[in-house]
Amino acid sequence: MHATILMGEATEVVERFFRFEAGGNLAPIDAPREPPILSDSLLSEMRANGGISSEEFDRATLIDATLRYEIVKFGDYLRNKVSNAYDDITKDPGFRDFLLDLQSRSTRQSRA
């Protein structure tokens, strides 16, 4: 939730995060959780230990972690249902394959 508060002549933006609990209640949390696939911290870890190159890291992080997750997890759906948005976002027809390769490498690395 974002709220802009007017305090005299100045404004302040307040940001709070919540999660749904059983029964529909909202519980405050410190920050949203990272996506379970190709999160920023995972890609940083892979780059640090040589699992991916700096160029691969830069290419992958051109888009938000949530969108990387959606492309990997729901790529065919995105391509079929919102193909213009998918094409505009990636600007590269091989981008999903690139992300799938990174996901596969991250899975192999975590097993090692």
N, C-alpha and C. Protein backbone atom coordinates (compact mmCIF):
# COMPACT_ATOMS: atom_id res chain seq x y z
N MET A 1 0.84 -1.16 0.00
CA MET A 1 0.00 0.00 0.00
C MET A 1 0.89 1.23 0.00
N HIS A 2 0.59 2.17 -0.87
CA HIS A 2 1.28 3.45 -0.91
C HIS A 2 0.28 4.53 -0.50
N ALA A 3 0.72 5.43 0.32
CA ALA A 3 -0.11 6.56 0.70
C ALA A 3 0.77 7.81 0.70
N THR A 4 0.25 8.87 0.16
CA THR A 4 0.95 10.15 0.20
C THR A 4 0.25 11.00 1.24
N ILE A 5 1.03 11.47 2.19
CA ILE A 5 0.50 12.24 3.31
C ILE A 5 0.96 13.69 3.16
N LEU A 6 0.03 14.60 3.23
CA LEU A 6 0.34 16.03 3.17
C LEU A 6 0.53 16.53 4.60
N MET A 7 1.73 17.06 4.86
CA MET A 7 2.05 17.58 6.19
C MET A 7 2.49 19.04 6.02
N GLY A 8 1.52 19.93 6.18
CA GLY A 8 1.82 21.34 5.94
C GLY A 8 2.07 21.57 4.47
N GLU A 9 3.26 22.01 4.13
CA GLU A 9 3.65 22.26 2.75
C GLU A 9 4.33 21.03 2.11
N ALA A 10 4.74 20.09 2.93
CA ALA A 10 5.50 18.93 2.45
C ALA A 10 4.60 17.69 2.34
N THR A 11 5.01 16.80 1.46
CA THR A 11 4.32 15.51 1.35
C THR A 11 5.30 14.41 1.71
N GLU A 12 4.77 13.33 2.21
CA GLU A 12 5.58 12.16 2.55
C GLU A 12 4.87 10.93 2.01
N VAL A 13 5.63 10.06 1.35
CA VAL A 13 5.08 8.81 0.84
C VAL A 13 5.36 7.72 1.86
N VAL A 14 4.30 7.04 2.26
CA VAL A 14 4.40 5.94 3.22
C VAL A 14 4.09 4.66 2.47
N GLU A 15 4.94 3.66 2.66
CA GLU A 15 4.74 2.37 1.99
C GLU A 15 4.66 1.28 3.06
N ARG A 16 3.62 0.47 3.00
CA ARG A 16 3.44 -0.64 3.93
C ARG A 16 3.09 -1.88 3.13
N PHE A 17 3.51 -3.03 3.62
CA PHE A 17 3.23 -4.30 2.96
C PHE A 17 2.44 -5.20 3.88
N PHE A 18 1.55 -6.00 3.28
CA PHE A 18 0.70 -6.91 4.02
C PHE A 18 0.60 -8.23 3.28
N ARG A 19 0.24 -9.28 4.01
CA ARG A 19 -0.07 -10.56 3.39
C ARG A 19 -1.44 -11.01 3.90
N PHE A 20 -2.11 -11.78 3.08
CA PHE A 20 -3.39 -12.33 3.49
C PHE A 20 -3.16 -13.54 4.38
N GLU A 21 -3.94 -13.63 5.44
CA GLU A 21 -3.91 -14.80 6.31
C GLU A 21 -5.25 -15.52 6.17
N ALA A 22 -5.31 -16.70 6.74
CA ALA A 22 -6.55 -17.47 6.71
C ALA A 22 -7.68 -16.62 7.28
N GLY A 23 -8.82 -16.69 6.63
CA GLY A 23 -9.96 -15.89 7.09
C GLY A 23 -10.01 -14.52 6.45
N GLY A 24 -9.03 -14.19 5.61
CA GLY A 24 -9.05 -12.91 4.91
C GLY A 24 -8.43 -11.75 5.67
N ASN A 25 -7.80 -12.03 6.81
CA ASN A 25 -7.16 -10.96 7.58
C ASN A 25 -5.84 -10.55 6.91
N LEU A 26 -5.48 -9.29 7.06
CA LEU A 26 -4.20 -8.79 6.56
C LEU A 26 -3.22 -8.71 7.72
N ALA A 27 -2.02 -9.21 7.50
CA ALA A 27 -0.97 -9.15 8.51
C ALA A 27 0.18 -8.30 7.95
N PRO A 28 0.67 -7.32 8.70
CA PRO A 28 1.78 -6.51 8.20
C PRO A 28 3.05 -7.34 8.06
N ILE A 29 3.82 -7.06 7.02
CA ILE A 29 5.12 -7.70 6.79
C ILE A 29 6.13 -6.61 6.45
N ASP A 30 7.42 -6.92 6.59
CA ASP A 30 8.46 -5.93 6.34
C ASP A 30 8.63 -5.62 4.86
N ALA A 31 8.52 -6.65 4.01
CA ALA A 31 8.72 -6.47 2.57
C ALA A 31 8.07 -7.64 1.84
N PRO A 32 7.73 -7.45 0.59
CA PRO A 32 7.18 -8.58 -0.16
C PRO A 32 8.26 -9.64 -0.35
N ARG A 33 7.84 -10.90 -0.45
CA ARG A 33 8.82 -11.96 -0.66
C ARG A 33 9.26 -11.97 -2.11
N GLU A 34 10.45 -12.49 -2.33
CA GLU A 34 10.96 -12.59 -3.69
C GLU A 34 10.25 -13.72 -4.43
N PRO A 35 10.16 -13.61 -5.74
CA PRO A 35 9.58 -14.72 -6.51
C PRO A 35 10.43 -15.98 -6.33
N PRO A 36 9.80 -17.15 -6.41
CA PRO A 36 10.54 -18.40 -6.18
C PRO A 36 11.45 -18.80 -7.33
N ILE A 37 11.37 -18.11 -8.44
CA ILE A 37 12.18 -18.44 -9.62
C ILE A 37 12.94 -17.20 -10.06
N LEU A 38 14.25 -17.32 -10.22
CA LEU A 38 15.13 -16.27 -10.75
C LEU A 38 14.97 -14.93 -10.03
N SER A 39 14.98 -14.97 -8.73
CA SER A 39 14.92 -13.73 -7.94
C SER A 39 16.22 -12.95 -8.09
N ASP A 40 16.19 -11.69 -7.72
CA ASP A 40 17.40 -10.86 -7.78
C ASP A 40 18.52 -11.45 -6.92
N SER A 41 18.17 -11.91 -5.72
CA SER A 41 19.21 -12.45 -4.84
C SER A 41 19.79 -13.75 -5.39
N LEU A 42 18.97 -14.59 -6.00
CA LEU A 42 19.47 -15.82 -6.60
C LEU A 42 20.43 -15.52 -7.75
N LEU A 43 20.04 -14.59 -8.62
CA LEU A 43 20.91 -14.23 -9.74
C LEU A 43 22.21 -13.60 -9.25
N SER A 44 22.13 -12.79 -8.20
CA SER A 44 23.36 -12.20 -7.62
C SER A 44 24.28 -13.28 -7.08
N GLU A 45 23.69 -14.26 -6.40
CA GLU A 45 24.47 -15.38 -5.86
C GLU A 45 25.11 -16.19 -6.99
N MET A 46 24.35 -16.45 -8.05
CA MET A 46 24.88 -17.21 -9.19
C MET A 46 26.04 -16.45 -9.84
N ARG A 47 25.90 -15.13 -9.97
CA ARG A 47 26.97 -14.33 -10.56
C ARG A 47 28.21 -14.36 -9.66
N ALA A 48 28.00 -14.25 -8.36
CA ALA A 48 29.12 -14.22 -7.41
C ALA A 48 29.91 -15.52 -7.42
N ASN A 49 29.23 -16.65 -7.59
CA ASN A 49 29.95 -17.93 -7.57
C ASN A 49 30.27 -18.47 -8.96
N GLY A 50 30.12 -17.64 -9.98
CA GLY A 50 30.51 -18.03 -11.33
C GLY A 50 29.49 -18.87 -12.08
N GLY A 51 28.29 -18.99 -11.54
CA GLY A 51 27.24 -19.76 -12.22
C GLY A 51 26.69 -19.08 -13.46
N ILE A 52 26.75 -17.76 -13.48
CA ILE A 52 26.38 -16.98 -14.66
C ILE A 52 27.38 -15.85 -14.82
N SER A 53 27.49 -15.35 -16.02
CA SER A 53 28.41 -14.24 -16.29
C SER A 53 27.74 -12.91 -15.93
N SER A 54 28.54 -11.87 -15.86
CA SER A 54 27.99 -10.54 -15.61
C SER A 54 27.06 -10.11 -16.74
N GLU A 55 27.38 -10.51 -17.96
CA GLU A 55 26.53 -10.19 -19.10
C GLU A 55 25.17 -10.87 -18.99
N GLU A 56 25.17 -12.14 -18.56
CA GLU A 56 23.90 -12.84 -18.36
C GLU A 56 23.10 -12.21 -17.23
N PHE A 57 23.77 -11.84 -16.17
CA PHE A 57 23.11 -11.17 -15.05
C PHE A 57 22.46 -9.87 -15.53
N ASP A 58 23.22 -9.07 -16.27
CA ASP A 58 22.69 -7.79 -16.76
C ASP A 58 21.49 -8.01 -17.68
N ARG A 59 21.57 -8.99 -18.55
CA ARG A 59 20.46 -9.27 -19.47
C ARG A 59 19.21 -9.70 -18.71
N ALA A 60 19.39 -10.58 -17.74
CA ALA A 60 18.25 -11.09 -16.98
C ALA A 60 17.61 -10.00 -16.13
N THR A 61 18.42 -9.13 -15.56
CA THR A 61 17.88 -8.12 -14.64
C THR A 61 17.41 -6.85 -15.34
N LEU A 62 17.34 -6.89 -16.66
CA LEU A 62 16.73 -5.77 -17.38
C LEU A 62 15.24 -5.65 -17.08
N ILE A 63 14.65 -6.76 -16.63
CA ILE A 63 13.23 -6.74 -16.28
C ILE A 63 13.08 -7.13 -14.81
N ASP A 64 11.96 -6.78 -14.25
CA ASP A 64 11.64 -7.05 -12.84
C ASP A 64 11.60 -8.54 -12.55
N ALA A 65 11.99 -8.92 -11.34
CA ALA A 65 12.03 -10.32 -10.93
C ALA A 65 10.66 -10.99 -11.05
N THR A 66 9.60 -10.26 -10.76
CA THR A 66 8.26 -10.83 -10.87
C THR A 66 7.94 -11.18 -12.31
N LEU A 67 8.35 -10.32 -13.24
CA LEU A 67 8.11 -10.60 -14.65
C LEU A 67 8.97 -11.77 -15.13
N ARG A 68 10.21 -11.87 -14.63
CA ARG A 68 11.03 -13.05 -14.99
C ARG A 68 10.32 -14.31 -14.56
N TYR A 69 9.79 -14.32 -13.34
CA TYR A 69 9.05 -15.48 -12.84
C TYR A 69 7.86 -15.79 -13.74
N GLU A 70 7.10 -14.78 -14.10
CA GLU A 70 5.91 -15.00 -14.93
C GLU A 70 6.27 -15.53 -16.31
N ILE A 71 7.35 -15.03 -16.89
CA ILE A 71 7.77 -15.49 -18.21
C ILE A 71 8.20 -16.95 -18.15
N VAL A 72 8.97 -17.32 -17.13
CA VAL A 72 9.42 -18.70 -17.00
C VAL A 72 8.24 -19.62 -16.70
N LYS A 73 7.40 -19.23 -15.76
CA LYS A 73 6.31 -20.09 -15.30
C LYS A 73 5.14 -20.13 -16.27
N PHE A 74 4.81 -19.01 -16.88
CA PHE A 74 3.59 -18.90 -17.68
C PHE A 74 3.87 -18.39 -19.09
N GLY A 75 5.06 -18.62 -19.61
CA GLY A 75 5.46 -18.05 -20.89
C GLY A 75 4.52 -18.34 -22.04
N ASP A 76 4.09 -19.59 -22.18
CA ASP A 76 3.19 -19.91 -23.29
C ASP A 76 1.86 -19.19 -23.13
N TYR A 77 1.37 -19.09 -21.92
CA TYR A 77 0.13 -18.36 -21.67
C TYR A 77 0.32 -16.89 -22.03
N LEU A 78 1.42 -16.30 -21.58
CA LEU A 78 1.67 -14.89 -21.89
C LEU A 78 1.77 -14.68 -23.39
N ARG A 79 2.45 -15.58 -24.07
CA ARG A 79 2.63 -15.44 -25.51
C ARG A 79 1.30 -15.56 -26.24
N ASN A 80 0.44 -16.48 -25.79
CA ASN A 80 -0.84 -16.69 -26.46
C ASN A 80 -1.89 -15.67 -26.09
N LYS A 81 -1.91 -15.21 -24.86
CA LYS A 81 -2.98 -14.33 -24.39
C LYS A 81 -2.65 -12.85 -24.50
N VAL A 82 -1.41 -12.49 -24.27
CA VAL A 82 -1.02 -11.09 -24.34
C VAL A 82 0.28 -10.97 -25.14
N SER A 83 0.27 -11.51 -26.34
CA SER A 83 1.49 -11.61 -27.12
C SER A 83 2.13 -10.24 -27.37
N ASN A 84 1.34 -9.20 -27.59
CA ASN A 84 1.94 -7.88 -27.81
C ASN A 84 2.70 -7.41 -26.59
N ALA A 85 2.10 -7.57 -25.41
CA ALA A 85 2.78 -7.17 -24.18
C ALA A 85 4.04 -8.01 -23.97
N TYR A 86 3.94 -9.32 -24.21
CA TYR A 86 5.09 -10.20 -24.05
C TYR A 86 6.22 -9.75 -24.97
N ASP A 87 5.90 -9.50 -26.25
CA ASP A 87 6.91 -9.08 -27.20
C ASP A 87 7.50 -7.73 -26.83
N ASP A 88 6.65 -6.80 -26.38
CA ASP A 88 7.14 -5.48 -25.99
C ASP A 88 8.08 -5.57 -24.80
N ILE A 89 7.77 -6.44 -23.85
CA ILE A 89 8.57 -6.55 -22.64
C ILE A 89 9.94 -7.16 -22.94
N THR A 90 9.96 -8.24 -23.68
CA THR A 90 11.22 -8.95 -23.87
C THR A 90 12.04 -8.40 -25.03
N LYS A 91 11.40 -7.94 -26.09
CA LYS A 91 12.08 -7.42 -27.28
C LYS A 91 13.08 -8.42 -27.84
N ASP A 92 12.95 -9.66 -27.50
CA ASP A 92 13.91 -10.69 -27.92
C ASP A 92 13.18 -12.02 -27.96
N PRO A 93 13.00 -12.61 -29.14
CA PRO A 93 12.24 -13.86 -29.21
C PRO A 93 12.88 -15.02 -28.45
N GLY A 94 14.17 -14.96 -28.17
CA GLY A 94 14.85 -16.02 -27.43
C GLY A 94 14.96 -15.75 -25.95
N PHE A 95 14.30 -14.68 -25.47
CA PHE A 95 14.46 -14.28 -24.08
C PHE A 95 13.91 -15.33 -23.11
N ARG A 96 12.76 -15.91 -23.42
CA ARG A 96 12.20 -16.93 -22.53
C ARG A 96 13.13 -18.13 -22.46
N ASP A 97 13.67 -18.55 -23.60
CA ASP A 97 14.61 -19.68 -23.60
C ASP A 97 15.84 -19.35 -22.76
N PHE A 98 16.31 -18.12 -22.84
CA PHE A 98 17.44 -17.68 -22.03
C PHE A 98 17.10 -17.81 -20.54
N LEU A 99 15.91 -17.33 -20.15
CA LEU A 99 15.50 -17.42 -18.75
C LEU A 99 15.30 -18.87 -18.32
N LEU A 100 14.75 -19.70 -19.20
CA LEU A 100 14.58 -21.12 -18.87
C LEU A 100 15.94 -21.79 -18.65
N ASP A 101 16.92 -21.41 -19.45
CA ASP A 101 18.27 -21.95 -19.28
C ASP A 101 18.85 -21.52 -17.92
N LEU A 102 18.67 -20.24 -17.57
CA LEU A 102 19.15 -19.78 -16.27
C LEU A 102 18.46 -20.53 -15.14
N GLN A 103 17.15 -20.76 -15.28
CA GLN A 103 16.41 -21.50 -14.26
C GLN A 103 16.94 -22.92 -14.13
N SER A 104 17.19 -23.56 -15.25
CA SER A 104 17.73 -24.92 -15.23
C SER A 104 19.10 -24.94 -14.56
N ARG A 105 19.94 -23.99 -14.88
CA ARG A 105 21.27 -23.91 -14.27
C ARG A 105 21.18 -23.63 -12.78
N SER A 106 20.22 -22.81 -12.37
CA SER A 106 20.09 -22.52 -10.94
C SER A 106 19.62 -23.75 -10.18
N THR A 107 18.76 -24.54 -10.80
CA THR A 107 18.29 -25.78 -10.17
C THR A 107 19.43 -26.77 -10.03
N ARG A 108 20.23 -26.94 -11.09
CA ARG A 108 21.39 -27.85 -11.02
C ARG A 108 22.39 -27.38 -9.97
N GLN A 109 22.59 -26.07 -9.91
CA GLN A 109 23.55 -25.52 -8.95
C GLN A 109 23.08 -25.75 -7.52
N SER A 110 21.78 -25.63 -7.27
CA SER A 110 21.29 -25.82 -5.90
C SER A 110 21.37 -27.27 -5.47
N ARG A 111 21.34 -28.19 -6.42
CA ARG A 111 21.45 -29.62 -6.09
C ARG A 111 22.88 -30.03 -5.79
N ALA A 112 23.85 -29.27 -6.34
CA ALA A 112 25.26 -29.64 -6.18
C ALA A 112 25.78 -29.35 -4.79
